[in-house]
Amino acid sequence: MSVIGRVRAVLTGRVQPLGARFVSAIDKRERVDPVRVGLEGLDGDEQGDRRAHGGPDKAVHLYAHEHYAHWIDELGSLPVLGKPGAFGENLHVEGLLEGDVCLADTVRVGSAVLQVSQARQPCWKLNHRFGVPDMARRVQDQARTGWYCRVLAPGELRAGDSIELVERPYPEWPLDRLLRLLYRSGSSDADLEPALHLPLVQSWRRLFERRLETRSIEDWRRRLFGE
């Protein structure tokens, strides 16, 4: 196994109000002691909307420390960017970007084994959290989304743990390649069809199949900007 990154912070959150009408657990806090991670995620972590968040394929959300400097340059020193957890991530990691992580990568973190399941599809809650009306759209357009892992073997993890690559079955499919297919126009059938041979989560498989069938890109406005 080779070390490909490191966990700078482990974070969990409880459901609380987000604005006047909604609830969310996007506001997470750092955990100092080891945290148990099971098939549904980290102990003490919650989701405000289980239809869109959580579950085995979105058990753990990772986000790159390196992206923070970019967002500070673009948006200024917003208070939310002053510490890990700005994007609601569970693992704030360094050394890994979306171009360094491939679909179905298996990694060991602490005593847990995780597998990369999908990139994040950002939603309008980021607009509220940052006070930037198009924050979700910026995250999507720049492919600075972070990614989700499922848990193959429960265990404990903590800040400072190495991220060790156990297996990389699809080295030609880094997440930024999938994100380009999803969010940039001009992808041909020859670009999209190979993705259907990957172990995609069902929602992504349906998305690619629908894209091939309709030859059109879906409307993202509700996800990116809310009702």
C-alpha atoms as a PDB file:
ATOM      1  CA  MET A   1       0.000   0.000   0.000  1.00  0.00           C
ATOM      2  CA  SER A   2       1.164   3.525  -0.769  1.00  0.00           C
ATOM      3  CA  VAL A   3       0.322   6.689   1.140  1.00  0.00           C
ATOM      4  CA  ILE A   4      -1.532   9.117  -1.141  1.00  0.00           C
ATOM      5  CA  GLY A   5      -2.830  11.669   1.349  1.00  0.00           C
ATOM      6  CA  ARG A   6      -3.491  12.586   4.951  1.00  0.00           C
ATOM      7  CA  VAL A   7      -6.505  13.486   7.077  1.00  0.00           C
ATOM      8  CA  ARG A   8      -6.123  16.961   8.550  1.00  0.00           C
ATOM      9  CA  ALA A   9      -9.467  16.951  10.374  1.00  0.00           C
ATOM     10  CA  VAL A  10     -12.391  14.637  11.131  1.00  0.00           C
ATOM     11  CA  LEU A  11     -15.761  16.371  11.418  1.00  0.00           C
ATOM     12  CA  THR A  12     -19.341  15.493  12.312  1.00  0.00           C
ATOM     13  CA  GLY A  13     -22.503  17.541  12.649  1.00  0.00           C
ATOM     14  CA  ARG A  14     -26.015  17.514  14.064  1.00  0.00           C
ATOM     15  CA  VAL A  15     -29.113  18.672  12.229  1.00  0.00           C
ATOM     16  CA  GLN A  16     -29.921  22.323  12.901  1.00  0.00           C
ATOM     17  CA  PRO A  17     -31.772  25.180  11.160  1.00  0.00           C
ATOM     18  CA  LEU A  18     -30.375  26.530   7.893  1.00  0.00           C
ATOM     19  CA  GLY A  19     -32.062  29.804   7.137  1.00  0.00           C
ATOM     20  CA  ALA A  20     -35.702  30.274   8.032  1.00  0.00           C
ATOM     21  CA  ARG A  21     -37.226  27.237   6.334  1.00  0.00           C
ATOM     22  CA  PHE A  22     -34.728  24.393   6.198  1.00  0.00           C
ATOM     23  CA  VAL A  23     -32.550  22.150   8.335  1.00  0.00           C
ATOM     24  CA  SER A  24     -29.124  20.703   7.610  1.00  0.00           C
ATOM     25  CA  ALA A  25     -26.091  19.135   9.262  1.00  0.00           C
ATOM     26  CA  ILE A  26     -23.667  20.907   6.922  1.00  0.00           C
ATOM     27  CA  ASP A  27     -22.221  22.864   9.879  1.00  0.00           C
ATOM     28  CA  LYS A  28     -19.814  20.269  11.266  1.00  0.00           C
ATOM     29  CA  ARG A  29     -17.323  20.372  14.130  1.00  0.00           C
ATOM     30  CA  GLU A  30     -13.862  18.897  14.442  1.00  0.00           C
ATOM     31  CA  ARG A  31     -13.458  15.750  16.507  1.00  0.00           C
ATOM     32  CA  VAL A  32     -10.277  15.311  18.517  1.00  0.00           C
ATOM     33  CA  ASP A  33     -10.582  11.710  19.647  1.00  0.00           C
ATOM     34  CA  PRO A  34     -10.820   8.684  17.326  1.00  0.00           C
ATOM     35  CA  VAL A  35     -14.231   8.436  15.633  1.00  0.00           C
ATOM     36  CA  ARG A  36     -15.947   5.182  14.784  1.00  0.00           C
ATOM     37  CA  VAL A  37     -17.094   4.858  11.165  1.00  0.00           C
ATOM     38  CA  GLY A  38     -19.706   2.302  10.139  1.00  0.00           C
ATOM     39  CA  LEU A  39     -21.595   1.464   6.971  1.00  0.00           C
ATOM     40  CA  GLU A  40     -23.821   4.557   7.327  1.00  0.00           C
ATOM     41  CA  GLY A  41     -21.051   6.988   8.232  1.00  0.00           C
ATOM     42  CA  LEU A  42     -19.321   8.479  11.262  1.00  0.00           C
ATOM     43  CA  ASP A  43     -20.694   8.167  14.773  1.00  0.00           C
ATOM     44  CA  GLY A  44     -22.353  11.415  15.739  1.00  0.00           C
ATOM     45  CA  ASP A  45     -22.938  12.598  12.174  1.00  0.00           C
ATOM     46  CA  GLU A  46     -26.443  13.377  10.912  1.00  0.00           C
ATOM     47  CA  GLN A  47     -28.158  14.418   7.663  1.00  0.00           C
ATOM     48  CA  GLY A  48     -31.004  16.874   7.355  1.00  0.00           C
ATOM     49  CA  ASP A  49     -32.423  15.358   4.165  1.00  0.00           C
ATOM     50  CA  ARG A  50     -31.915  11.614   3.851  1.00  0.00           C
ATOM     51  CA  ARG A  51     -33.326  11.621   0.337  1.00  0.00           C
ATOM     52  CA  ALA A  52     -30.300  13.506  -0.964  1.00  0.00           C
ATOM     53  CA  HIS A  53     -27.630  12.893   1.680  1.00  0.00           C
ATOM     54  CA  GLY A  54     -26.310   9.959   3.652  1.00  0.00           C
ATOM     55  CA  GLY A  55     -26.793   6.276   3.045  1.00  0.00           C
ATOM     56  CA  PRO A  56     -24.179   3.621   2.276  1.00  0.00           C
ATOM     57  CA  ASP A  57     -22.979   5.238  -0.978  1.00  0.00           C
ATOM     58  CA  LYS A  58     -22.574   8.647   0.698  1.00  0.00           C
ATOM     59  CA  ALA A  59     -21.319   7.467   4.057  1.00  0.00           C
ATOM     60  CA  VAL A  60     -18.224   9.695   4.235  1.00  0.00           C
ATOM     61  CA  HIS A  61     -17.625  12.986   2.435  1.00  0.00           C
ATOM     62  CA  LEU A  62     -14.046  14.099   1.736  1.00  0.00           C
ATOM     63  CA  TYR A  63     -12.882  17.548   0.652  1.00  0.00           C
ATOM     64  CA  ALA A  64      -9.423  18.811  -0.282  1.00  0.00           C
ATOM     65  CA  HIS A  65      -7.608  21.232   2.001  1.00  0.00           C
ATOM     66  CA  GLU A  66      -5.828  22.614  -1.063  1.00  0.00           C
ATOM     67  CA  HIS A  67      -9.082  24.011  -2.467  1.00  0.00           C
ATOM     68  CA  TYR A  68      -9.497  26.383   0.474  1.00  0.00           C
ATOM     69  CA  ALA A  69      -6.705  28.704  -0.715  1.00  0.00           C
ATOM     70  CA  HIS A  70      -8.400  28.969  -4.097  1.00  0.00           C
ATOM     71  CA  TRP A  71     -11.773  29.855  -2.563  1.00  0.00           C
ATOM     72  CA  ILE A  72     -10.184  32.481  -0.316  1.00  0.00           C
ATOM     73  CA  ASP A  73      -8.540  34.046  -3.375  1.00  0.00           C
ATOM     74  CA  GLU A  74     -11.876  34.039  -5.204  1.00  0.00           C
ATOM     75  CA  LEU A  75     -14.262  35.007  -2.410  1.00  0.00           C
ATOM     76  CA  GLY A  76     -12.101  36.702   0.187  1.00  0.00           C
ATOM     77  CA  SER A  77     -11.485  35.605   3.762  1.00  0.00           C
ATOM     78  CA  LEU A  78     -15.023  34.531   4.598  1.00  0.00           C
ATOM     79  CA  PRO A  79     -15.356  33.298   8.197  1.00  0.00           C
ATOM     80  CA  VAL A  80     -16.649  29.930   7.001  1.00  0.00           C
ATOM     81  CA  LEU A  81     -13.347  29.336   5.173  1.00  0.00           C
ATOM     82  CA  GLY A  82     -11.292  29.969   8.300  1.00  0.00           C
ATOM     83  CA  LYS A  83     -11.363  26.370   9.461  1.00  0.00           C
ATOM     84  CA  PRO A  84     -12.066  22.846   8.125  1.00  0.00           C
ATOM     85  CA  GLY A  85     -15.655  21.873   7.427  1.00  0.00           C
ATOM     86  CA  ALA A  86     -16.717  24.775   5.207  1.00  0.00           C
ATOM     87  CA  PHE A  87     -18.168  22.342   2.676  1.00  0.00           C
ATOM     88  CA  GLY A  88     -19.755  20.005   5.193  1.00  0.00           C
ATOM     89  CA  GLU A  89     -17.010  17.434   4.742  1.00  0.00           C
ATOM     90  CA  ASN A  90     -16.376  14.599   7.191  1.00  0.00           C
ATOM     91  CA  LEU A  91     -12.711  14.235   6.270  1.00  0.00           C
ATOM     92  CA  HIS A  92     -10.714  17.363   5.482  1.00  0.00           C
ATOM     93  CA  VAL A  93      -7.794  15.900   3.554  1.00  0.00           C
ATOM     94  CA  GLU A  94      -4.538  17.059   2.026  1.00  0.00           C
ATOM     95  CA  GLY A  95      -2.587  15.662  -0.906  1.00  0.00           C
ATOM     96  CA  LEU A  96      -5.635  14.602  -2.916  1.00  0.00           C
ATOM     97  CA  LEU A  97      -7.683  16.465  -5.500  1.00  0.00           C
ATOM     98  CA  GLU A  98     -10.466  15.248  -7.780  1.00  0.00           C
ATOM     99  CA  GLY A  99      -7.878  14.542 -10.455  1.00  0.00           C
ATOM    100  CA  ASP A 100      -5.898  12.316  -8.085  1.00  0.00           C
ATOM    101  CA  VAL A 101      -8.801  10.125  -6.963  1.00  0.00           C
ATOM    102  CA  CYS A 102     -10.354   7.485  -9.218  1.00  0.00           C
ATOM    103  CA  LEU A 103     -13.777   5.916  -9.095  1.00  0.00           C
ATOM    104  CA  ALA A 104     -13.762   2.741  -6.970  1.00  0.00           C
ATOM    105  CA  ASP A 105     -10.395   3.484  -5.366  1.00  0.00           C
ATOM    106  CA  THR A 106     -10.133   1.520  -2.139  1.00  0.00           C
ATOM    107  CA  VAL A 107      -8.241   3.244   0.679  1.00  0.00           C
ATOM    108  CA  ARG A 108      -7.384   2.504   4.280  1.00  0.00           C
ATOM    109  CA  VAL A 109      -7.823   5.330   6.783  1.00  0.00           C
ATOM    110  CA  GLY A 110      -7.003   4.409  10.353  1.00  0.00           C
ATOM    111  CA  SER A 111      -8.521   0.951  10.817  1.00  0.00           C
ATOM    112  CA  ALA A 112     -11.377   1.582   8.339  1.00  0.00           C
ATOM    113  CA  VAL A 113     -11.458   0.680   4.646  1.00  0.00           C
ATOM    114  CA  LEU A 114     -13.296   3.082   2.335  1.00  0.00           C
ATOM    115  CA  GLN A 115     -14.132   2.975  -1.372  1.00  0.00           C
ATOM    116  CA  VAL A 116     -14.685   6.008  -3.594  1.00  0.00           C
ATOM    117  CA  SER A 117     -18.304   5.846  -4.781  1.00  0.00           C
ATOM    118  CA  GLN A 118     -18.986   9.164  -6.526  1.00  0.00           C
ATOM    119  CA  ALA A 119     -18.120  12.828  -6.726  1.00  0.00           C
ATOM    120  CA  ARG A 120     -20.353  15.258  -4.898  1.00  0.00           C
ATOM    121  CA  GLN A 121     -23.138  16.989  -6.794  1.00  0.00           C
ATOM    122  CA  PRO A 122     -23.265  20.359  -5.019  1.00  0.00           C
ATOM    123  CA  CYS A 123     -26.631  21.767  -3.983  1.00  0.00           C
ATOM    124  CA  TRP A 124     -28.120  25.135  -3.033  1.00  0.00           C
ATOM    125  CA  LYS A 125     -27.351  24.686   0.667  1.00  0.00           C
ATOM    126  CA  LEU A 126     -23.810  25.826  -0.105  1.00  0.00           C
ATOM    127  CA  ASN A 127     -25.279  29.165  -1.269  1.00  0.00           C
ATOM    128  CA  HIS A 128     -26.809  29.658   2.181  1.00  0.00           C
ATOM    129  CA  ARG A 129     -23.728  28.517   4.043  1.00  0.00           C
ATOM    130  CA  PHE A 130     -21.360  30.845   2.187  1.00  0.00           C
ATOM    131  CA  GLY A 131     -23.754  33.748   1.657  1.00  0.00           C
ATOM    132  CA  VAL A 132     -22.853  33.555  -2.046  1.00  0.00           C
ATOM    133  CA  PRO A 133     -25.941  33.159  -4.282  1.00  0.00           C
ATOM    134  CA  ASP A 134     -24.189  30.984  -6.873  1.00  0.00           C
ATOM    135  CA  MET A 135     -21.714  29.094  -4.678  1.00  0.00           C
ATOM    136  CA  ALA A 136     -23.028  25.657  -5.657  1.00  0.00           C
ATOM    137  CA  ARG A 137     -22.714  26.570  -9.325  1.00  0.00           C
ATOM    138  CA  ARG A 138     -19.127  27.739  -8.812  1.00  0.00           C
ATOM    139  CA  VAL A 139     -18.218  24.488  -7.046  1.00  0.00           C
ATOM    140  CA  GLN A 140     -19.739  22.475  -9.895  1.00  0.00           C
ATOM    141  CA  ASP A 141     -18.235  24.509 -12.733  1.00  0.00           C
ATOM    142  CA  GLN A 142     -14.745  24.342 -11.228  1.00  0.00           C
ATOM    143  CA  ALA A 143     -14.980  20.628 -10.352  1.00  0.00           C
ATOM    144  CA  ARG A 144     -13.920  21.389  -6.767  1.00  0.00           C
ATOM    145  CA  THR A 145     -16.719  19.222  -5.440  1.00  0.00           C
ATOM    146  CA  GLY A 146     -15.149  16.741  -3.067  1.00  0.00           C
ATOM    147  CA  TRP A 147     -16.223  13.114  -3.166  1.00  0.00           C
ATOM    148  CA  TYR A 148     -18.052  10.397  -1.263  1.00  0.00           C
ATOM    149  CA  CYS A 149     -16.907   7.015  -0.027  1.00  0.00           C
ATOM    150  CA  ARG A 150     -18.764   3.918   1.049  1.00  0.00           C
ATOM    151  CA  VAL A 151     -17.400   1.942   3.984  1.00  0.00           C
ATOM    152  CA  LEU A 152     -16.135  -1.537   3.130  1.00  0.00           C
ATOM    153  CA  ALA A 153     -14.760  -2.298   6.586  1.00  0.00           C
ATOM    154  CA  PRO A 154     -15.855  -0.328   9.675  1.00  0.00           C
ATOM    155  CA  GLY A 155     -13.185   0.964  12.009  1.00  0.00           C
ATOM    156  CA  GLU A 156     -11.833   4.065  13.703  1.00  0.00           C
ATOM    157  CA  LEU A 157     -10.117   7.086  12.210  1.00  0.00           C
ATOM    158  CA  ARG A 158      -8.777  10.392  13.449  1.00  0.00           C
ATOM    159  CA  ALA A 159      -6.993  13.562  12.363  1.00  0.00           C
ATOM    160  CA  GLY A 160      -3.429  12.812  11.300  1.00  0.00           C
ATOM    161  CA  ASP A 161      -4.212   9.401   9.804  1.00  0.00           C
ATOM    162  CA  SER A 162      -2.587   8.542   6.509  1.00  0.00           C
ATOM    163  CA  ILE A 163      -4.734   7.685   3.506  1.00  0.00           C
ATOM    164  CA  GLU A 164      -3.288   4.511   2.001  1.00  0.00           C
ATOM    165  CA  LEU A 165      -4.228   3.285  -1.453  1.00  0.00           C
ATOM    166  CA  VAL A 166      -5.216  -0.390  -1.331  1.00  0.00           C
ATOM    167  CA  GLU A 167      -6.573  -0.878  -4.839  1.00  0.00           C
ATOM    168  CA  ARG A 168      -7.150   1.236  -7.974  1.00  0.00           C
ATOM    169  CA  PRO A 169      -9.119  -0.813 -10.527  1.00  0.00           C
ATOM    170  CA  TYR A 170      -9.937   2.135 -12.832  1.00  0.00           C
ATOM    171  CA  PRO A 171      -6.831   4.344 -13.051  1.00  0.00           C
ATOM    172  CA  GLU A 172      -8.091   5.879 -16.303  1.00  0.00           C
ATOM    173  CA  TRP A 173     -11.202   7.244 -14.548  1.00  0.00           C
ATOM    174  CA  PRO A 174     -10.229  10.022 -12.129  1.00  0.00           C
ATOM    175  CA  LEU A 175     -13.210  11.850 -10.724  1.00  0.00           C
ATOM    176  CA  ASP A 176     -12.505  15.025 -12.647  1.00  0.00           C
ATOM    177  CA  ARG A 177     -13.000  13.068 -15.882  1.00  0.00           C
ATOM    178  CA  LEU A 178     -16.459  11.993 -14.724  1.00  0.00           C
ATOM    179  CA  LEU A 179     -17.236  15.538 -13.616  1.00  0.00           C
ATOM    180  CA  ARG A 180     -16.319  16.869 -17.055  1.00  0.00           C
ATOM    181  CA  LEU A 181     -18.697  14.365 -18.645  1.00  0.00           C
ATOM    182  CA  LEU A 182     -21.480  15.382 -16.304  1.00  0.00           C
ATOM    183  CA  TYR A 183     -21.163  19.133 -16.347  1.00  0.00           C
ATOM    184  CA  ARG A 184     -19.574  20.246 -19.602  1.00  0.00           C
ATOM    185  CA  SER A 185     -21.461  20.323 -22.868  1.00  0.00           C
ATOM    186  CA  GLY A 186     -20.151  18.711 -26.016  1.00  0.00           C
ATOM    187  CA  SER A 187     -19.657  15.166 -24.717  1.00  0.00           C
ATOM    188  CA  SER A 188     -20.340  12.647 -27.463  1.00  0.00           C
ATOM    189  CA  ASP A 189     -21.737   9.124 -27.237  1.00  0.00           C
ATOM    190  CA  ALA A 190     -18.161   7.875 -27.548  1.00  0.00           C
ATOM    191  CA  ASP A 191     -17.314   9.848 -24.393  1.00  0.00           C
ATOM    192  CA  LEU A 192     -20.369   8.799 -22.399  1.00  0.00           C
ATOM    193  CA  GLU A 193     -20.803   5.124 -23.285  1.00  0.00           C
ATOM    194  CA  PRO A 194     -17.559   3.894 -21.637  1.00  0.00           C
ATOM    195  CA  ALA A 195     -18.783   5.291 -18.324  1.00  0.00           C
ATOM    196  CA  LEU A 196     -21.652   2.790 -18.325  1.00  0.00           C
ATOM    197  CA  HIS A 197     -19.114  -0.006 -17.873  1.00  0.00           C
ATOM    198  CA  LEU A 198     -18.021   1.477 -14.543  1.00  0.00           C
ATOM    199  CA  PRO A 199     -19.466   0.504 -11.133  1.00  0.00           C
ATOM    200  CA  LEU A 200     -21.574   3.662 -10.981  1.00  0.00           C
ATOM    201  CA  VAL A 201     -24.092   4.324  -8.247  1.00  0.00           C
ATOM    202  CA  GLN A 202     -27.613   3.931  -9.596  1.00  0.00           C
ATOM    203  CA  SER A 203     -28.383   7.659  -9.732  1.00  0.00           C
ATOM    204  CA  TRP A 204     -25.304   8.315 -11.868  1.00  0.00           C
ATOM    205  CA  ARG A 205     -26.032   5.336 -14.118  1.00  0.00           C
ATOM    206  CA  ARG A 206     -29.550   6.635 -14.753  1.00  0.00           C
ATOM    207  CA  LEU A 207     -28.147  10.083 -15.448  1.00  0.00           C
ATOM    208  CA  PHE A 208     -25.698   8.824 -18.075  1.00  0.00           C
ATOM    209  CA  GLU A 209     -28.327   6.582 -19.652  1.00  0.00           C
ATOM    210  CA  ARG A 210     -30.807   9.455 -19.847  1.00  0.00           C
ATOM    211  CA  ARG A 211     -28.138  11.723 -21.319  1.00  0.00           C
ATOM    212  CA  LEU A 212     -27.466   9.179 -24.072  1.00  0.00           C
ATOM    213  CA  GLU A 213     -31.174   8.683 -24.706  1.00  0.00           C
ATOM    214  CA  THR A 214     -32.233  12.319 -24.832  1.00  0.00           C
ATOM    215  CA  ARG A 215     -29.031  13.860 -26.191  1.00  0.00           C
ATOM    216  CA  SER A 216     -29.604  16.741 -23.791  1.00  0.00           C
ATOM    217  CA  ILE A 217     -28.255  17.978 -20.464  1.00  0.00           C
ATOM    218  CA  GLU A 218     -30.688  17.986 -17.569  1.00  0.00           C
ATOM    219  CA  ASP A 219     -31.882  21.147 -15.835  1.00  0.00           C
ATOM    220  CA  TRP A 220     -29.739  21.761 -12.733  1.00  0.00           C
ATOM    221  CA  ARG A 221     -31.443  24.907 -11.472  1.00  0.00           C
ATOM    222  CA  ARG A 222     -33.448  23.341  -8.653  1.00  0.00           C
ATOM    223  CA  ARG A 223     -30.415  21.502  -7.250  1.00  0.00           C
ATOM    224  CA  LEU A 224     -28.123  24.516  -7.579  1.00  0.00           C
ATOM    225  CA  PHE A 225     -30.485  27.313  -6.549  1.00  0.00           C
ATOM    226  CA  GLY A 226     -33.341  25.651  -4.648  1.00  0.00           C
ATOM    227  CA  GLU A 227     -37.033  26.177  -5.103  1.00  0.00           C
END
